[in-house]
């Protein structure tokens, strides 16, 4: 779950965990999200730290609050996360992969073959 040895702050790890729950379908649109106190208990952290993680998702409009009822996944939460992760995270990894391939003098076709091989090994289907 949380990595104590990680240099990533705990509240960011909690936000990532919640995002993963949404992306994996464990939490869907309008589902209630764990409260900061529940998250604090789950991860054995201060409730303020857990609340900060939820706050990040509120800022990005991945979740919304209903006064007196709690925090819920927004209708667009899943799509926003897909777009954000594709644009920010996946694109960075692709750029790093291309840079490393260039250093190793791996051409585009060979890189595609390596990607396809890894994809098959992970159970992916051919297009």
N, C-alpha and C. Protein backbone atom coordinates (compact mmCIF):
# COMPACT_ATOMS: atom_id res chain seq x y z
N UNK A 1 0.84 -1.18 0.00
CA UNK A 1 0.00 0.00 0.00
C UNK A 1 0.88 1.25 0.00
N UNK A 2 1.20 1.81 1.18
CA UNK A 2 2.09 2.95 1.25
C UNK A 2 3.52 2.46 1.42
N UNK A 3 4.43 3.19 0.82
CA UNK A 3 5.84 2.83 0.91
C UNK A 3 6.54 3.80 1.85
N UNK A 4 6.86 3.32 3.06
CA UNK A 4 7.51 4.17 4.05
C UNK A 4 8.88 4.63 3.56
N UNK A 5 9.54 3.80 2.74
CA UNK A 5 10.87 4.14 2.26
C UNK A 5 10.84 5.08 1.05
N UNK A 6 9.66 5.36 0.54
CA UNK A 6 9.51 6.22 -0.64
C UNK A 6 9.83 7.67 -0.28
N UNK A 7 10.41 8.37 -1.25
CA UNK A 7 10.66 9.80 -1.05
C UNK A 7 9.39 10.61 -1.32
N UNK A 8 8.37 9.94 -1.86
CA UNK A 8 7.10 10.60 -2.15
C UNK A 8 6.34 10.82 -0.85
N UNK A 9 5.87 12.03 -0.59
CA UNK A 9 5.13 12.30 0.65
C UNK A 9 3.91 11.38 0.79
N UNK A 10 3.59 11.07 2.04
CA UNK A 10 2.51 10.13 2.33
C UNK A 10 1.17 10.60 1.76
N UNK A 11 0.89 11.90 1.86
CA UNK A 11 -0.41 12.38 1.35
C UNK A 11 -0.51 12.17 -0.16
N UNK A 12 0.61 12.26 -0.89
CA UNK A 12 0.59 11.99 -2.33
C UNK A 12 0.37 10.50 -2.59
N UNK A 13 0.95 9.66 -1.74
CA UNK A 13 0.75 8.22 -1.88
C UNK A 13 -0.72 7.86 -1.64
N UNK A 14 -1.34 8.52 -0.67
CA UNK A 14 -2.76 8.28 -0.40
C UNK A 14 -3.60 8.74 -1.58
N UNK A 15 -3.29 9.90 -2.14
CA UNK A 15 -4.02 10.38 -3.32
C UNK A 15 -3.86 9.40 -4.47
N UNK A 16 -2.63 8.91 -4.68
CA UNK A 16 -2.39 7.93 -5.75
C UNK A 16 -3.18 6.65 -5.51
N UNK A 17 -3.24 6.21 -4.26
CA UNK A 17 -3.98 4.99 -3.92
C UNK A 17 -5.46 5.17 -4.27
N UNK A 18 -6.01 6.32 -3.90
CA UNK A 18 -7.42 6.59 -4.21
C UNK A 18 -7.62 6.67 -5.72
N UNK A 19 -6.70 7.32 -6.42
CA UNK A 19 -6.80 7.40 -7.88
C UNK A 19 -6.78 6.01 -8.49
N UNK A 20 -5.90 5.15 -7.99
CA UNK A 20 -5.84 3.78 -8.51
C UNK A 20 -7.14 3.03 -8.25
N UNK A 21 -7.75 3.26 -7.10
CA UNK A 21 -9.04 2.63 -6.80
C UNK A 21 -10.10 3.05 -7.82
N UNK A 22 -10.04 4.32 -8.24
CA UNK A 22 -10.99 4.83 -9.23
C UNK A 22 -10.66 4.25 -10.61
N UNK A 23 -9.40 4.26 -10.98
CA UNK A 23 -9.00 3.75 -12.30
C UNK A 23 -9.28 2.26 -12.44
N UNK A 24 -9.11 1.50 -11.35
CA UNK A 24 -9.33 0.06 -11.40
C UNK A 24 -10.81 -0.31 -11.29
N UNK A 25 -11.67 0.68 -11.02
CA UNK A 25 -13.09 0.41 -10.95
C UNK A 25 -13.59 0.01 -9.57
N UNK A 26 -12.72 0.00 -8.58
CA UNK A 26 -13.15 -0.30 -7.22
C UNK A 26 -14.08 0.80 -6.72
N UNK A 27 -13.78 2.02 -7.12
CA UNK A 27 -14.64 3.17 -6.85
C UNK A 27 -15.14 3.72 -8.18
N UNK A 28 -16.45 3.86 -8.32
CA UNK A 28 -17.05 4.36 -9.55
C UNK A 28 -17.67 5.73 -9.30
N UNK A 29 -18.19 6.32 -10.36
CA UNK A 29 -18.85 7.62 -10.26
C UNK A 29 -19.93 7.58 -9.17
N UNK A 30 -19.91 8.58 -8.34
CA UNK A 30 -20.85 8.79 -7.23
C UNK A 30 -20.70 7.81 -6.08
N UNK A 31 -19.67 6.96 -6.11
CA UNK A 31 -19.38 6.11 -4.95
C UNK A 31 -18.76 6.96 -3.85
N UNK A 32 -19.06 6.61 -2.61
CA UNK A 32 -18.49 7.31 -1.47
C UNK A 32 -17.05 6.88 -1.27
N UNK A 33 -16.19 7.86 -1.04
CA UNK A 33 -14.77 7.64 -0.80
C UNK A 33 -14.57 7.52 0.71
N UNK A 34 -13.57 6.75 1.12
CA UNK A 34 -13.24 6.66 2.55
C UNK A 34 -13.03 8.07 3.11
N UNK A 35 -13.46 8.29 4.33
CA UNK A 35 -13.24 9.58 4.98
C UNK A 35 -11.76 9.69 5.36
N UNK A 36 -11.35 10.90 5.70
CA UNK A 36 -9.96 11.08 6.10
C UNK A 36 -9.64 10.27 7.35
N UNK A 37 -10.62 10.07 8.20
CA UNK A 37 -10.40 9.30 9.42
C UNK A 37 -10.28 7.80 9.11
N UNK A 38 -11.09 7.33 8.17
CA UNK A 38 -10.97 5.93 7.74
C UNK A 38 -9.62 5.69 7.07
N UNK A 39 -9.21 6.62 6.20
CA UNK A 39 -7.92 6.49 5.53
C UNK A 39 -6.77 6.54 6.54
N UNK A 40 -6.92 7.41 7.54
CA UNK A 40 -5.89 7.51 8.58
C UNK A 40 -5.74 6.18 9.32
N UNK A 41 -6.87 5.52 9.56
CA UNK A 41 -6.84 4.23 10.24
C UNK A 41 -6.27 3.14 9.33
N UNK A 42 -6.68 3.13 8.06
CA UNK A 42 -6.21 2.14 7.11
C UNK A 42 -4.69 2.21 6.96
N UNK A 43 -4.17 3.44 6.82
CA UNK A 43 -2.75 3.62 6.55
C UNK A 43 -1.92 3.97 7.78
N UNK A 44 -2.59 4.04 8.93
CA UNK A 44 -1.90 4.34 10.19
C UNK A 44 -1.13 5.66 10.09
N UNK A 45 -1.86 6.72 9.68
CA UNK A 45 -1.28 8.05 9.56
C UNK A 45 -2.19 9.05 10.26
N UNK A 46 -1.71 10.27 10.37
CA UNK A 46 -2.48 11.35 10.96
C UNK A 46 -3.67 11.68 10.04
N UNK A 47 -4.86 11.91 10.60
CA UNK A 47 -6.01 12.26 9.76
C UNK A 47 -5.77 13.49 8.88
N UNK A 48 -4.98 14.44 9.35
CA UNK A 48 -4.70 15.63 8.54
C UNK A 48 -3.92 15.25 7.28
N UNK A 49 -3.03 14.28 7.40
CA UNK A 49 -2.27 13.80 6.25
C UNK A 49 -3.21 13.15 5.24
N UNK A 50 -4.11 12.31 5.73
CA UNK A 50 -5.08 11.66 4.84
C UNK A 50 -5.99 12.71 4.20
N UNK A 51 -6.39 13.70 4.98
CA UNK A 51 -7.23 14.78 4.47
C UNK A 51 -6.55 15.57 3.36
N UNK A 52 -5.25 15.73 3.48
CA UNK A 52 -4.48 16.44 2.46
C UNK A 52 -4.51 15.66 1.14
N UNK A 53 -4.45 14.32 1.24
CA UNK A 53 -4.54 13.48 0.05
C UNK A 53 -5.88 13.63 -0.64
N UNK A 54 -6.95 13.62 0.15
CA UNK A 54 -8.30 13.82 -0.39
C UNK A 54 -8.41 15.22 -1.00
N UNK A 55 -7.80 16.19 -0.34
CA UNK A 55 -7.83 17.57 -0.82
C UNK A 55 -7.27 17.71 -2.22
N UNK A 56 -6.23 16.95 -2.54
CA UNK A 56 -5.66 16.99 -3.89
C UNK A 56 -6.69 16.54 -4.93
N UNK A 57 -7.43 15.50 -4.59
CA UNK A 57 -8.44 15.01 -5.52
C UNK A 57 -9.62 15.98 -5.64
N UNK A 58 -9.92 16.67 -4.56
CA UNK A 58 -10.97 17.70 -4.62
C UNK A 58 -10.55 18.84 -5.54
N UNK A 59 -9.28 19.26 -5.43
CA UNK A 59 -8.76 20.34 -6.28
C UNK A 59 -8.83 19.97 -7.76
N UNK A 60 -8.58 18.72 -8.07
CA UNK A 60 -8.59 18.26 -9.46
C UNK A 60 -9.99 17.87 -9.92
N UNK A 61 -10.97 18.02 -9.02
CA UNK A 61 -12.36 17.68 -9.29
C UNK A 61 -12.55 16.21 -9.66
N UNK A 62 -11.72 15.36 -9.09
CA UNK A 62 -11.85 13.92 -9.24
C UNK A 62 -12.94 13.44 -8.28
N UNK A 63 -13.03 14.11 -7.14
CA UNK A 63 -14.06 13.82 -6.14
C UNK A 63 -14.76 15.13 -5.77
N UNK A 64 -15.92 15.01 -5.13
CA UNK A 64 -16.66 16.18 -4.66
C UNK A 64 -17.22 15.87 -3.29
N UNK A 65 -17.48 16.93 -2.52
CA UNK A 65 -18.05 16.78 -1.18
C UNK A 65 -19.54 17.08 -1.21
N UNK A 66 -20.26 16.30 -0.40
CA UNK A 66 -21.67 16.59 -0.16
C UNK A 66 -21.79 16.85 1.34
N UNK A 67 -22.16 18.06 1.65
CA UNK A 67 -22.21 18.50 3.04
C UNK A 67 -22.97 17.49 3.92
N UNK A 68 -22.29 17.05 4.95
CA UNK A 68 -22.90 16.13 5.91
C UNK A 68 -22.94 14.69 5.46
N UNK A 69 -22.57 14.40 4.22
CA UNK A 69 -22.64 13.03 3.71
C UNK A 69 -21.27 12.43 3.41
N UNK A 70 -20.31 13.26 3.05
CA UNK A 70 -18.98 12.75 2.76
C UNK A 70 -18.46 13.18 1.40
N UNK A 71 -17.47 12.43 0.93
CA UNK A 71 -16.80 12.72 -0.33
C UNK A 71 -17.11 11.60 -1.31
N UNK A 72 -17.37 11.98 -2.56
CA UNK A 72 -17.80 11.02 -3.58
C UNK A 72 -16.99 11.21 -4.86
N UNK A 73 -16.91 10.14 -5.64
CA UNK A 73 -16.23 10.20 -6.94
C UNK A 73 -17.10 10.99 -7.90
N UNK A 74 -16.50 11.95 -8.60
CA UNK A 74 -17.26 12.76 -9.55
C UNK A 74 -17.60 11.94 -10.80
N UNK A 75 -18.60 12.40 -11.52
CA UNK A 75 -19.02 11.73 -12.76
C UNK A 75 -17.86 11.64 -13.74
N UNK A 76 -17.03 12.69 -13.79
CA UNK A 76 -15.93 12.76 -14.74
C UNK A 76 -14.61 12.28 -14.15
N UNK A 77 -14.63 11.82 -12.91
CA UNK A 77 -13.39 11.48 -12.20
C UNK A 77 -12.53 10.47 -12.94
N UNK A 78 -13.12 9.40 -13.38
CA UNK A 78 -12.37 8.34 -14.07
C UNK A 78 -11.74 8.89 -15.35
N UNK A 79 -12.50 9.61 -16.15
CA UNK A 79 -11.99 10.16 -17.41
C UNK A 79 -10.90 11.19 -17.18
N UNK A 80 -11.07 12.02 -16.15
CA UNK A 80 -10.05 13.02 -15.83
C UNK A 80 -8.74 12.34 -15.44
N UNK A 81 -8.84 11.28 -14.66
CA UNK A 81 -7.63 10.56 -14.26
C UNK A 81 -6.94 9.90 -15.44
N UNK A 82 -7.73 9.30 -16.33
CA UNK A 82 -7.15 8.69 -17.53
C UNK A 82 -6.39 9.73 -18.35
N UNK A 83 -7.01 10.87 -18.55
CA UNK A 83 -6.38 11.93 -19.34
C UNK A 83 -5.12 12.44 -18.65
N UNK A 84 -5.22 12.67 -17.34
CA UNK A 84 -4.07 13.19 -16.59
C UNK A 84 -2.90 12.22 -16.60
N UNK A 85 -3.19 10.98 -16.33
CA UNK A 85 -2.10 9.99 -16.27
C UNK A 85 -1.50 9.74 -17.64
N UNK A 86 -2.33 9.76 -18.67
CA UNK A 86 -1.80 9.57 -20.02
C UNK A 86 -0.90 10.74 -20.37
N UNK A 87 -1.38 11.95 -20.14
CA UNK A 87 -0.63 13.14 -20.51
C UNK A 87 0.61 13.33 -19.66
N UNK A 88 0.48 13.26 -18.36
CA UNK A 88 1.59 13.58 -17.47
C UNK A 88 2.52 12.41 -17.21
N UNK A 89 1.98 11.31 -16.79
CA UNK A 89 2.82 10.20 -16.37
C UNK A 89 3.30 9.32 -17.52
N UNK A 90 2.37 8.88 -18.33
CA UNK A 90 2.72 7.96 -19.40
C UNK A 90 3.62 8.66 -20.43
N UNK A 91 3.32 9.90 -20.75
CA UNK A 91 4.13 10.63 -21.72
C UNK A 91 5.56 10.80 -21.22
N UNK A 92 5.74 11.07 -19.93
CA UNK A 92 7.09 11.20 -19.35
C UNK A 92 7.85 9.88 -19.48
N UNK A 93 7.15 8.78 -19.22
CA UNK A 93 7.79 7.47 -19.31
C UNK A 93 8.15 7.15 -20.76
N UNK A 94 7.29 7.52 -21.68
CA UNK A 94 7.57 7.29 -23.09
C UNK A 94 8.80 8.10 -23.51
N UNK A 95 8.85 9.35 -23.09
CA UNK A 95 10.00 10.19 -23.43
C UNK A 95 11.30 9.61 -22.87
N UNK A 96 11.24 9.13 -21.62
CA UNK A 96 12.43 8.52 -21.01
C UNK A 96 12.83 7.25 -21.76
N UNK A 97 11.84 6.46 -22.17
CA UNK A 97 12.11 5.24 -22.93
C UNK A 97 12.77 5.57 -24.26
N UNK A 98 12.27 6.59 -24.95
CA UNK A 98 12.85 6.99 -26.23
C UNK A 98 14.29 7.50 -26.06
N UNK A 99 14.53 8.25 -25.00
CA UNK A 99 15.89 8.73 -24.73
C UNK A 99 16.83 7.57 -24.46
N UNK A 100 16.38 6.61 -23.65
CA UNK A 100 17.22 5.44 -23.35
C UNK A 100 17.46 4.61 -24.60
N UNK A 101 16.45 4.43 -25.42
CA UNK A 101 16.61 3.68 -26.67
C UNK A 101 17.65 4.36 -27.56
N UNK A 102 17.60 5.67 -27.59
CA UNK A 102 18.57 6.42 -28.40
C UNK A 102 19.99 6.21 -27.88
N UNK A 103 20.17 6.26 -26.56
CA UNK A 103 21.49 6.03 -25.96
C UNK A 103 22.00 4.63 -26.28
N UNK A 104 21.07 3.67 -26.32
CA UNK A 104 21.44 2.27 -26.59
C UNK A 104 21.48 1.97 -28.09
N UNK A 105 21.23 2.99 -28.89
CA UNK A 105 21.24 2.87 -30.35
C UNK A 105 20.24 1.81 -30.84
N UNK A 106 19.07 1.82 -30.21
CA UNK A 106 17.98 0.94 -30.63
C UNK A 106 17.08 1.75 -31.55
N UNK A 107 16.89 1.25 -32.77
CA UNK A 107 16.06 2.00 -33.71
C UNK A 107 14.58 1.80 -33.40
N UNK A 108 13.77 2.59 -34.08
CA UNK A 108 12.32 2.62 -33.83
C UNK A 108 11.68 1.25 -33.99
N UNK A 109 12.01 0.55 -35.07
CA UNK A 109 11.41 -0.77 -35.33
C UNK A 109 11.78 -1.77 -34.24
N UNK A 110 13.03 -1.76 -33.81
CA UNK A 110 13.47 -2.67 -32.76
C UNK A 110 12.77 -2.34 -31.44
N UNK A 111 12.61 -1.06 -31.16
CA UNK A 111 11.91 -0.64 -29.95
C UNK A 111 10.46 -1.12 -29.98
N UNK A 112 9.80 -0.97 -31.12
CA UNK A 112 8.43 -1.45 -31.25
C UNK A 112 8.34 -2.95 -31.02
N UNK A 113 9.31 -3.70 -31.54
CA UNK A 113 9.32 -5.15 -31.32
C UNK A 113 9.47 -5.48 -29.84
N UNK A 114 10.32 -4.75 -29.14
CA UNK A 114 10.49 -4.96 -27.70
C UNK A 114 9.20 -4.66 -26.94
N UNK A 115 8.54 -3.60 -27.34
CA UNK A 115 7.27 -3.23 -26.69
C UNK A 115 6.22 -4.31 -26.95
N UNK A 116 6.12 -4.76 -28.19
CA UNK A 116 5.15 -5.80 -28.53
C UNK A 116 5.44 -7.10 -27.77
N UNK A 117 6.71 -7.46 -27.63
CA UNK A 117 7.09 -8.66 -26.89
C UNK A 117 6.66 -8.54 -25.43
N UNK A 118 6.94 -7.41 -24.81
CA UNK A 118 6.55 -7.19 -23.42
C UNK A 118 5.04 -7.21 -23.27
N UNK A 119 4.36 -6.62 -24.24
CA UNK A 119 2.90 -6.59 -24.22
C UNK A 119 2.33 -8.02 -24.25
N UNK A 120 2.86 -8.84 -25.12
CA UNK A 120 2.41 -10.25 -25.21
C UNK A 120 2.70 -10.99 -23.91
N UNK A 121 3.86 -10.76 -23.33
CA UNK A 121 4.24 -11.44 -22.09
C UNK A 121 3.33 -11.07 -20.93
N UNK A 122 2.75 -9.89 -21.00
CA UNK A 122 1.84 -9.44 -19.95
C UNK A 122 0.39 -9.79 -20.27
N UNK A 123 0.20 -10.60 -21.31
CA UNK A 123 -1.15 -11.05 -21.62
C UNK A 123 -1.93 -10.13 -22.50
N UNK A 124 -1.26 -9.16 -23.11
CA UNK A 124 -1.94 -8.23 -24.01
C UNK A 124 -2.27 -8.90 -25.32
N UNK A 125 -3.21 -8.34 -26.02
CA UNK A 125 -3.63 -8.87 -27.32
C UNK A 125 -3.03 -8.03 -28.43
N UNK A 126 -2.83 -8.67 -29.56
CA UNK A 126 -2.36 -7.97 -30.76
C UNK A 126 -3.50 -7.14 -31.33
N UNK A 127 -3.18 -6.04 -31.95
CA UNK A 127 -4.20 -5.22 -32.62
C UNK A 127 -4.49 -5.75 -33.98
